[in-house]
């Protein structure tokens, strides 16, 4: 089975962040704090992209 996605971890994290923030705009989850989770994911994606990983 071949992976069709990107091998760049920064782009993968960015894609996950975009999908998660888009889904959370429609689904309201009040039991967990999604702000810090999305912020951490955005920071990880940004650092990975800057480092070229």
C-alpha atoms as a PDB file:
ATOM      1  CA  UNK A   1       0.000   0.000   0.000  1.00  0.00           C
ATOM      2  CA  UNK A   2       1.514   3.311  -1.093  1.00  0.00           C
ATOM      3  CA  UNK A   3       1.111   6.602   0.762  1.00  0.00           C
ATOM      4  CA  UNK A   4      -0.195   9.298  -1.584  1.00  0.00           C
ATOM      5  CA  UNK A   5       0.165  12.199   0.846  1.00  0.00           C
ATOM      6  CA  UNK A   6       3.105  14.439   1.547  1.00  0.00           C
ATOM      7  CA  UNK A   7       6.263  13.294   3.297  1.00  0.00           C
ATOM      8  CA  UNK A   8       6.797  16.809   4.651  1.00  0.00           C
ATOM      9  CA  UNK A   9       5.744  16.771   8.324  1.00  0.00           C
ATOM     10  CA  UNK A  10       5.106  20.524   8.334  1.00  0.00           C
ATOM     11  CA  UNK A  11       2.644  20.304   5.472  1.00  0.00           C
ATOM     12  CA  UNK A  12       0.980  17.302   7.103  1.00  0.00           C
ATOM     13  CA  UNK A  13       0.542  19.185  10.392  1.00  0.00           C
ATOM     14  CA  UNK A  14      -0.745  22.213   8.495  1.00  0.00           C
ATOM     15  CA  UNK A  15      -3.296  20.062   6.692  1.00  0.00           C
ATOM     16  CA  UNK A  16      -4.453  18.534   9.983  1.00  0.00           C
ATOM     17  CA  UNK A  17      -4.738  22.007  11.530  1.00  0.00           C
ATOM     18  CA  UNK A  18      -6.780  23.331   8.610  1.00  0.00           C
ATOM     19  CA  UNK A  19      -9.138  20.358   8.665  1.00  0.00           C
ATOM     20  CA  UNK A  20      -9.531  20.479  12.456  1.00  0.00           C
ATOM     21  CA  UNK A  21     -10.218  24.212  12.554  1.00  0.00           C
ATOM     22  CA  UNK A  22     -12.707  23.879   9.717  1.00  0.00           C
ATOM     23  CA  UNK A  23     -14.565  21.028  11.383  1.00  0.00           C
ATOM     24  CA  UNK A  24     -14.619  22.806  14.742  1.00  0.00           C
ATOM     25  CA  UNK A  25     -16.275  25.813  13.125  1.00  0.00           C
ATOM     26  CA  UNK A  26     -19.310  23.626  12.450  1.00  0.00           C
ATOM     27  CA  UNK A  27     -19.196  21.272  15.450  1.00  0.00           C
ATOM     28  CA  UNK A  28     -19.272  22.946  18.843  1.00  0.00           C
ATOM     29  CA  UNK A  29     -17.526  20.859  21.481  1.00  0.00           C
ATOM     30  CA  UNK A  30     -17.855  22.482  24.884  1.00  0.00           C
ATOM     31  CA  UNK A  31     -16.304  19.738  26.977  1.00  0.00           C
ATOM     32  CA  UNK A  32     -12.713  20.295  25.792  1.00  0.00           C
ATOM     33  CA  UNK A  33     -10.675  23.421  25.216  1.00  0.00           C
ATOM     34  CA  UNK A  34      -9.838  23.337  21.511  1.00  0.00           C
ATOM     35  CA  UNK A  35      -8.008  26.688  21.425  1.00  0.00           C
ATOM     36  CA  UNK A  36      -4.758  25.523  23.047  1.00  0.00           C
ATOM     37  CA  UNK A  37      -4.803  22.302  21.019  1.00  0.00           C
ATOM     38  CA  UNK A  38      -5.138  24.158  17.716  1.00  0.00           C
ATOM     39  CA  UNK A  39      -2.556  26.741  18.798  1.00  0.00           C
ATOM     40  CA  UNK A  40      -0.029  24.025  19.632  1.00  0.00           C
ATOM     41  CA  UNK A  41      -0.682  22.297  16.340  1.00  0.00           C
ATOM     42  CA  UNK A  42      -0.243  25.586  14.462  1.00  0.00           C
ATOM     43  CA  UNK A  43       3.068  26.284  16.241  1.00  0.00           C
ATOM     44  CA  UNK A  44       4.339  22.780  15.485  1.00  0.00           C
ATOM     45  CA  UNK A  45       3.373  23.131  11.825  1.00  0.00           C
ATOM     46  CA  UNK A  46       5.008  26.554  11.554  1.00  0.00           C
ATOM     47  CA  UNK A  47       8.264  25.442  13.151  1.00  0.00           C
ATOM     48  CA  UNK A  48       8.394  22.314  11.004  1.00  0.00           C
ATOM     49  CA  UNK A  49       7.856  24.364   7.854  1.00  0.00           C
ATOM     50  CA  UNK A  50      10.543  26.859   8.866  1.00  0.00           C
ATOM     51  CA  UNK A  51      13.000  24.047   9.530  1.00  0.00           C
ATOM     52  CA  UNK A  52      12.149  22.458   6.198  1.00  0.00           C
ATOM     53  CA  UNK A  53      11.012  19.130   7.580  1.00  0.00           C
END
